[in-house]
Amino acid sequence: MNSQHARVHVLLVEDDHDVSALLERHLSGLGCRVTIADSGEEGLDLAFADPPDMAIVDILLPGIDGREVIRRLRADERSKRCHLVVSSVLDPEDLSELATDEILTKPFRQAAVARLLDSYRSSVSQEE
């Protein structure tokens, strides 16, 4: 994982291209390196090949859904320390059982994305 001042690698697992483009624009503007997957399967492949510092995972995905993606990311040695964010239109209370670090509720504002990055950086600085 990156140190606090290194460029943060964020994996977006999102099947809505408008949402992923918006998140990519926000995160790139904040200095992140962004990788995009439009399915759970692709997200897992990318995460295991090049483990991200943070993964933002949509719940309602075709094929392997976000719940299973999150479960597999947490279970795998390569990605278990990744800062996991669930992104969804579902009620946050319905997502509380997931082993995630944060929830990004849709629709979201640019400030919410910036707070996610600040939260990640804060957690990294506490580990160092």
N, C-alpha and C. Protein backbone atom coordinates (compact mmCIF):
# COMPACT_ATOMS: atom_id res chain seq x y z
N MET A 1 0.84 -1.18 0.00
CA MET A 1 0.00 0.00 0.00
C MET A 1 0.88 1.24 0.00
N ASN A 2 0.35 2.30 -0.49
CA ASN A 2 1.09 3.54 -0.60
C ASN A 2 1.22 4.24 0.74
N SER A 3 2.29 5.03 0.88
CA SER A 3 2.38 5.90 2.05
C SER A 3 1.42 7.06 1.85
N GLN A 4 1.27 7.85 2.89
CA GLN A 4 0.27 8.93 2.88
C GLN A 4 0.50 9.91 1.74
N HIS A 5 1.76 10.17 1.36
CA HIS A 5 2.05 11.21 0.37
C HIS A 5 2.22 10.67 -1.05
N ALA A 6 2.21 9.37 -1.21
CA ALA A 6 2.31 8.79 -2.54
C ALA A 6 0.96 8.88 -3.25
N ARG A 7 0.98 8.68 -4.54
CA ARG A 7 -0.25 8.72 -5.33
C ARG A 7 -1.12 7.51 -4.96
N VAL A 8 -2.36 7.77 -4.61
CA VAL A 8 -3.28 6.72 -4.16
C VAL A 8 -3.88 6.02 -5.38
N HIS A 9 -3.82 4.70 -5.38
CA HIS A 9 -4.41 3.90 -6.46
C HIS A 9 -5.82 3.49 -6.04
N VAL A 10 -6.81 3.93 -6.82
CA VAL A 10 -8.21 3.63 -6.53
C VAL A 10 -8.78 2.75 -7.63
N LEU A 11 -9.39 1.65 -7.25
CA LEU A 11 -10.11 0.78 -8.18
C LEU A 11 -11.59 1.09 -8.06
N LEU A 12 -12.22 1.43 -9.17
CA LEU A 12 -13.67 1.64 -9.22
C LEU A 12 -14.31 0.41 -9.85
N VAL A 13 -15.22 -0.22 -9.16
CA VAL A 13 -15.97 -1.34 -9.71
C VAL A 13 -17.41 -0.85 -9.82
N GLU A 14 -17.75 -0.41 -11.02
CA GLU A 14 -19.02 0.29 -11.27
C GLU A 14 -19.47 0.02 -12.69
N ASP A 15 -20.71 -0.48 -12.85
CA ASP A 15 -21.21 -0.80 -14.19
C ASP A 15 -21.89 0.37 -14.88
N ASP A 16 -22.19 1.44 -14.16
CA ASP A 16 -22.79 2.63 -14.77
C ASP A 16 -21.65 3.54 -15.23
N HIS A 17 -21.50 3.66 -16.55
CA HIS A 17 -20.37 4.39 -17.12
C HIS A 17 -20.41 5.87 -16.76
N ASP A 18 -21.57 6.46 -16.60
CA ASP A 18 -21.66 7.87 -16.20
C ASP A 18 -21.14 8.05 -14.78
N VAL A 19 -21.49 7.14 -13.90
CA VAL A 19 -21.03 7.21 -12.51
C VAL A 19 -19.52 6.99 -12.44
N SER A 20 -19.02 5.99 -13.15
CA SER A 20 -17.57 5.73 -13.11
C SER A 20 -16.79 6.89 -13.71
N ALA A 21 -17.31 7.52 -14.78
CA ALA A 21 -16.62 8.67 -15.38
C ALA A 21 -16.58 9.84 -14.39
N LEU A 22 -17.68 10.06 -13.67
CA LEU A 22 -17.74 11.14 -12.69
C LEU A 22 -16.77 10.87 -11.54
N LEU A 23 -16.78 9.67 -11.01
CA LEU A 23 -15.85 9.32 -9.93
C LEU A 23 -14.40 9.42 -10.39
N GLU A 24 -14.14 8.95 -11.60
CA GLU A 24 -12.77 9.03 -12.13
C GLU A 24 -12.32 10.49 -12.22
N ARG A 25 -13.18 11.35 -12.70
CA ARG A 25 -12.84 12.77 -12.83
C ARG A 25 -12.56 13.37 -11.44
N HIS A 26 -13.42 13.09 -10.47
CA HIS A 26 -13.22 13.62 -9.12
C HIS A 26 -11.89 13.10 -8.52
N LEU A 27 -11.68 11.80 -8.60
CA LEU A 27 -10.49 11.20 -7.99
C LEU A 27 -9.21 11.60 -8.71
N SER A 28 -9.23 11.65 -10.01
CA SER A 28 -8.05 12.10 -10.77
C SER A 28 -7.71 13.54 -10.41
N GLY A 29 -8.74 14.35 -10.25
CA GLY A 29 -8.54 15.75 -9.86
C GLY A 29 -7.92 15.88 -8.47
N LEU A 30 -8.09 14.86 -7.66
CA LEU A 30 -7.50 14.84 -6.32
C LEU A 30 -6.13 14.15 -6.31
N GLY A 31 -5.62 13.82 -7.50
CA GLY A 31 -4.29 13.24 -7.63
C GLY A 31 -4.21 11.74 -7.57
N CYS A 32 -5.34 11.05 -7.67
CA CYS A 32 -5.35 9.58 -7.60
C CYS A 32 -5.07 8.95 -8.97
N ARG A 33 -4.52 7.75 -8.92
CA ARG A 33 -4.44 6.89 -10.11
C ARG A 33 -5.67 6.01 -10.05
N VAL A 34 -6.49 6.04 -11.11
CA VAL A 34 -7.78 5.36 -11.09
C VAL A 34 -7.80 4.24 -12.13
N THR A 35 -8.28 3.08 -11.69
CA THR A 35 -8.51 1.93 -12.57
C THR A 35 -10.00 1.63 -12.50
N ILE A 36 -10.61 1.35 -13.66
CA ILE A 36 -12.06 1.12 -13.71
C ILE A 36 -12.37 -0.29 -14.20
N ALA A 37 -13.30 -0.94 -13.49
CA ALA A 37 -13.85 -2.23 -13.91
C ALA A 37 -15.35 -2.08 -13.97
N ASP A 38 -15.97 -2.65 -15.01
CA ASP A 38 -17.43 -2.51 -15.11
C ASP A 38 -18.19 -3.78 -14.73
N SER A 39 -17.48 -4.72 -14.10
CA SER A 39 -18.14 -5.92 -13.57
C SER A 39 -17.37 -6.40 -12.36
N GLY A 40 -18.03 -7.21 -11.54
CA GLY A 40 -17.36 -7.77 -10.37
C GLY A 40 -16.19 -8.65 -10.74
N GLU A 41 -16.36 -9.46 -11.77
CA GLU A 41 -15.28 -10.36 -12.20
C GLU A 41 -14.05 -9.57 -12.62
N GLU A 42 -14.26 -8.53 -13.44
CA GLU A 42 -13.14 -7.71 -13.90
C GLU A 42 -12.49 -6.98 -12.71
N GLY A 43 -13.31 -6.51 -11.79
CA GLY A 43 -12.78 -5.83 -10.61
C GLY A 43 -11.87 -6.73 -9.79
N LEU A 44 -12.28 -7.96 -9.58
CA LEU A 44 -11.45 -8.91 -8.83
C LEU A 44 -10.15 -9.20 -9.57
N ASP A 45 -10.24 -9.43 -10.88
CA ASP A 45 -9.03 -9.68 -11.68
C ASP A 45 -8.04 -8.52 -11.55
N LEU A 46 -8.55 -7.29 -11.70
CA LEU A 46 -7.69 -6.11 -11.61
C LEU A 46 -7.12 -5.93 -10.20
N ALA A 47 -7.95 -6.16 -9.19
CA ALA A 47 -7.50 -5.99 -7.81
C ALA A 47 -6.40 -6.98 -7.45
N PHE A 48 -6.52 -8.21 -7.92
CA PHE A 48 -5.52 -9.21 -7.59
C PHE A 48 -4.24 -9.02 -8.40
N ALA A 49 -4.34 -8.48 -9.61
CA ALA A 49 -3.17 -8.25 -10.45
C ALA A 49 -2.38 -7.02 -9.99
N ASP A 50 -3.08 -5.99 -9.52
CA ASP A 50 -2.46 -4.73 -9.10
C ASP A 50 -3.26 -4.20 -7.92
N PRO A 51 -3.01 -4.72 -6.71
CA PRO A 51 -3.84 -4.37 -5.55
C PRO A 51 -3.94 -2.86 -5.34
N PRO A 52 -5.17 -2.36 -5.24
CA PRO A 52 -5.36 -0.92 -5.03
C PRO A 52 -5.21 -0.55 -3.56
N ASP A 53 -5.03 0.74 -3.32
CA ASP A 53 -5.04 1.24 -1.95
C ASP A 53 -6.48 1.35 -1.46
N MET A 54 -7.37 1.72 -2.39
CA MET A 54 -8.78 1.89 -2.09
C MET A 54 -9.59 1.30 -3.23
N ALA A 55 -10.69 0.65 -2.89
CA ALA A 55 -11.63 0.15 -3.90
C ALA A 55 -13.01 0.70 -3.58
N ILE A 56 -13.65 1.27 -4.60
CA ILE A 56 -15.02 1.74 -4.46
C ILE A 56 -15.87 0.77 -5.27
N VAL A 57 -16.74 0.04 -4.58
CA VAL A 57 -17.47 -1.07 -5.20
C VAL A 57 -18.96 -0.81 -5.15
N ASP A 58 -19.58 -0.81 -6.33
CA ASP A 58 -21.04 -0.73 -6.43
C ASP A 58 -21.61 -2.06 -5.97
N ILE A 59 -22.77 -2.04 -5.34
CA ILE A 59 -23.40 -3.28 -4.89
C ILE A 59 -24.15 -3.97 -6.01
N LEU A 60 -24.90 -3.20 -6.79
CA LEU A 60 -25.76 -3.77 -7.83
C LEU A 60 -24.98 -3.91 -9.13
N LEU A 61 -24.23 -5.01 -9.24
CA LEU A 61 -23.41 -5.28 -10.42
C LEU A 61 -23.94 -6.50 -11.15
N PRO A 62 -23.71 -6.56 -12.46
CA PRO A 62 -24.06 -7.78 -13.20
C PRO A 62 -23.08 -8.90 -12.83
N GLY A 63 -23.53 -10.13 -12.90
CA GLY A 63 -22.65 -11.26 -12.56
C GLY A 63 -22.41 -11.30 -11.07
N ILE A 64 -21.14 -11.30 -10.68
CA ILE A 64 -20.78 -11.29 -9.27
C ILE A 64 -21.16 -9.92 -8.71
N ASP A 65 -22.04 -9.89 -7.71
CA ASP A 65 -22.47 -8.60 -7.17
C ASP A 65 -21.43 -8.03 -6.21
N GLY A 66 -21.65 -6.78 -5.81
CA GLY A 66 -20.69 -6.08 -4.97
C GLY A 66 -20.45 -6.73 -3.62
N ARG A 67 -21.49 -7.36 -3.05
CA ARG A 67 -21.32 -8.05 -1.77
C ARG A 67 -20.26 -9.15 -1.89
N GLU A 68 -20.34 -9.92 -2.98
CA GLU A 68 -19.39 -11.00 -3.19
C GLU A 68 -18.00 -10.45 -3.53
N VAL A 69 -17.94 -9.37 -4.29
CA VAL A 69 -16.65 -8.74 -4.60
C VAL A 69 -15.97 -8.33 -3.29
N ILE A 70 -16.71 -7.67 -2.42
CA ILE A 70 -16.16 -7.22 -1.14
C ILE A 70 -15.70 -8.41 -0.31
N ARG A 71 -16.51 -9.45 -0.25
CA ARG A 71 -16.13 -10.64 0.51
C ARG A 71 -14.82 -11.22 0.00
N ARG A 72 -14.69 -11.34 -1.32
CA ARG A 72 -13.46 -11.92 -1.90
C ARG A 72 -12.25 -11.01 -1.73
N LEU A 73 -12.45 -9.70 -1.82
CA LEU A 73 -11.33 -8.77 -1.61
C LEU A 73 -10.82 -8.87 -0.18
N ARG A 74 -11.72 -8.97 0.78
CA ARG A 74 -11.33 -9.09 2.19
C ARG A 74 -10.67 -10.43 2.49
N ALA A 75 -11.05 -11.47 1.75
CA ALA A 75 -10.54 -12.82 2.02
C ALA A 75 -9.17 -13.08 1.40
N ASP A 76 -8.79 -12.30 0.41
CA ASP A 76 -7.55 -12.56 -0.33
C ASP A 76 -6.38 -11.78 0.27
N GLU A 77 -5.25 -12.44 0.45
CA GLU A 77 -4.05 -11.82 1.01
C GLU A 77 -3.64 -10.57 0.25
N ARG A 78 -3.80 -10.57 -1.08
CA ARG A 78 -3.34 -9.44 -1.90
C ARG A 78 -4.15 -8.18 -1.69
N SER A 79 -5.39 -8.32 -1.26
CA SER A 79 -6.26 -7.14 -1.20
C SER A 79 -6.93 -6.93 0.16
N LYS A 80 -6.65 -7.76 1.13
CA LYS A 80 -7.40 -7.68 2.38
C LYS A 80 -7.18 -6.39 3.15
N ARG A 81 -6.08 -5.68 2.92
CA ARG A 81 -5.82 -4.42 3.62
C ARG A 81 -6.29 -3.21 2.82
N CYS A 82 -6.88 -3.44 1.69
CA CYS A 82 -7.41 -2.37 0.85
C CYS A 82 -8.53 -1.62 1.60
N HIS A 83 -8.55 -0.31 1.47
CA HIS A 83 -9.62 0.52 2.06
C HIS A 83 -10.85 0.32 1.19
N LEU A 84 -11.87 -0.37 1.71
CA LEU A 84 -13.04 -0.72 0.91
C LEU A 84 -14.20 0.24 1.17
N VAL A 85 -14.75 0.74 0.06
CA VAL A 85 -15.89 1.65 0.11
C VAL A 85 -17.00 1.04 -0.72
N VAL A 86 -18.18 0.93 -0.15
CA VAL A 86 -19.33 0.46 -0.91
C VAL A 86 -20.05 1.69 -1.44
N SER A 87 -20.44 1.62 -2.70
CA SER A 87 -21.16 2.72 -3.34
C SER A 87 -22.51 2.18 -3.77
N SER A 88 -23.59 2.83 -3.29
CA SER A 88 -24.90 2.27 -3.58
C SER A 88 -26.02 3.27 -3.37
N VAL A 89 -27.13 2.98 -4.04
CA VAL A 89 -28.37 3.72 -3.82
C VAL A 89 -29.18 3.07 -2.70
N LEU A 90 -28.76 1.89 -2.25
CA LEU A 90 -29.46 1.19 -1.19
C LEU A 90 -29.31 1.93 0.14
N ASP A 91 -30.23 1.70 1.04
CA ASP A 91 -30.18 2.30 2.36
C ASP A 91 -28.90 1.82 3.08
N PRO A 92 -28.12 2.76 3.63
CA PRO A 92 -26.89 2.36 4.32
C PRO A 92 -27.11 1.31 5.42
N GLU A 93 -28.27 1.31 6.05
CA GLU A 93 -28.55 0.30 7.07
C GLU A 93 -28.59 -1.11 6.48
N ASP A 94 -28.96 -1.23 5.19
CA ASP A 94 -28.99 -2.53 4.53
C ASP A 94 -27.59 -3.02 4.14
N LEU A 95 -26.60 -2.16 4.32
CA LEU A 95 -25.23 -2.50 3.94
C LEU A 95 -24.31 -2.66 5.14
N SER A 96 -24.86 -2.53 6.32
CA SER A 96 -24.03 -2.50 7.53
C SER A 96 -23.31 -3.82 7.81
N GLU A 97 -23.80 -4.92 7.27
CA GLU A 97 -23.16 -6.21 7.53
C GLU A 97 -21.91 -6.42 6.67
N LEU A 98 -21.68 -5.56 5.71
CA LEU A 98 -20.52 -5.70 4.83
C LEU A 98 -19.24 -5.28 5.53
N ALA A 99 -18.15 -5.96 5.22
CA ALA A 99 -16.85 -5.65 5.82
C ALA A 99 -16.18 -4.52 5.05
N THR A 100 -16.81 -3.35 5.09
CA THR A 100 -16.25 -2.20 4.39
C THR A 100 -15.80 -1.15 5.39
N ASP A 101 -15.00 -0.22 4.90
CA ASP A 101 -14.52 0.87 5.73
C ASP A 101 -15.47 2.05 5.70
N GLU A 102 -16.15 2.24 4.56
CA GLU A 102 -17.03 3.39 4.41
C GLU A 102 -18.12 3.09 3.39
N ILE A 103 -19.12 3.99 3.39
CA ILE A 103 -20.21 3.91 2.42
C ILE A 103 -20.29 5.24 1.68
N LEU A 104 -20.35 5.17 0.36
CA LEU A 104 -20.57 6.35 -0.48
C LEU A 104 -21.98 6.20 -1.04
N THR A 105 -22.89 6.98 -0.49
CA THR A 105 -24.30 6.90 -0.89
C THR A 105 -24.51 7.65 -2.19
N LYS A 106 -25.20 7.01 -3.13
CA LYS A 106 -25.55 7.66 -4.40
C LYS A 106 -26.91 8.32 -4.25
N PRO A 107 -27.14 9.48 -4.81
CA PRO A 107 -26.14 10.30 -5.51
C PRO A 107 -25.18 10.92 -4.51
N PHE A 108 -23.97 11.21 -4.97
CA PHE A 108 -22.94 11.77 -4.10
C PHE A 108 -22.47 13.10 -4.67
N ARG A 109 -21.84 13.87 -3.83
CA ARG A 109 -21.25 15.14 -4.22
C ARG A 109 -19.74 14.99 -4.26
N GLN A 110 -19.10 15.90 -4.96
CA GLN A 110 -17.65 15.88 -5.07
C GLN A 110 -17.00 15.93 -3.68
N ALA A 111 -17.57 16.69 -2.78
CA ALA A 111 -17.03 16.80 -1.41
C ALA A 111 -17.03 15.45 -0.70
N ALA A 112 -18.02 14.62 -0.96
CA ALA A 112 -18.07 13.29 -0.35
C ALA A 112 -16.91 12.42 -0.84
N VAL A 113 -16.55 12.57 -2.10
CA VAL A 113 -15.43 11.81 -2.66
C VAL A 113 -14.12 12.29 -2.03
N ALA A 114 -13.99 13.59 -1.87
CA ALA A 114 -12.80 14.15 -1.22
C ALA A 114 -12.69 13.65 0.22
N ARG A 115 -13.82 13.56 0.93
CA ARG A 115 -13.80 13.05 2.31
C ARG A 115 -13.34 11.59 2.36
N LEU A 116 -13.73 10.79 1.36
CA LEU A 116 -13.27 9.39 1.31
C LEU A 116 -11.74 9.33 1.24
N LEU A 117 -11.18 10.16 0.38
CA LEU A 117 -9.73 10.18 0.21
C LEU A 117 -9.06 10.68 1.49
N ASP A 118 -9.62 11.71 2.11
CA ASP A 118 -9.07 12.20 3.38
C ASP A 118 -9.13 11.12 4.45
N SER A 119 -10.23 10.39 4.51
CA SER A 119 -10.39 9.31 5.48
C SER A 119 -9.35 8.22 5.25
N TYR A 120 -9.13 7.86 3.98
CA TYR A 120 -8.11 6.86 3.67
C TYR A 120 -6.74 7.34 4.13
N ARG A 121 -6.40 8.57 3.78
CA ARG A 121 -5.08 9.11 4.14
C ARG A 121 -4.91 9.18 5.65
N SER A 122 -5.98 9.52 6.34
CA SER A 122 -5.93 9.57 7.80
C SER A 122 -5.68 8.19 8.38
N SER A 123 -6.33 7.17 7.83
CA SER A 123 -6.14 5.80 8.32
C SER A 123 -4.73 5.31 8.05
N VAL A 124 -4.16 5.71 6.93
CA VAL A 124 -2.78 5.31 6.60
C VAL A 124 -1.79 5.98 7.56
N SER A 125 -2.00 7.26 7.84
CA SER A 125 -1.08 7.96 8.73
C SER A 125 -1.14 7.39 10.15
N GLN A 126 -2.29 6.87 10.58
CA GLN A 126 -2.41 6.25 11.90
C GLN A 126 -1.67 4.92 11.97
N GLU A 127 -1.57 4.23 10.81
CA GLU A 127 -0.88 2.94 10.78
C GLU A 127 0.64 3.11 10.80
N GLU A 128 1.11 4.26 10.32
CA GLU A 128 2.57 4.46 10.19
C GLU A 128 3.23 4.79 11.50
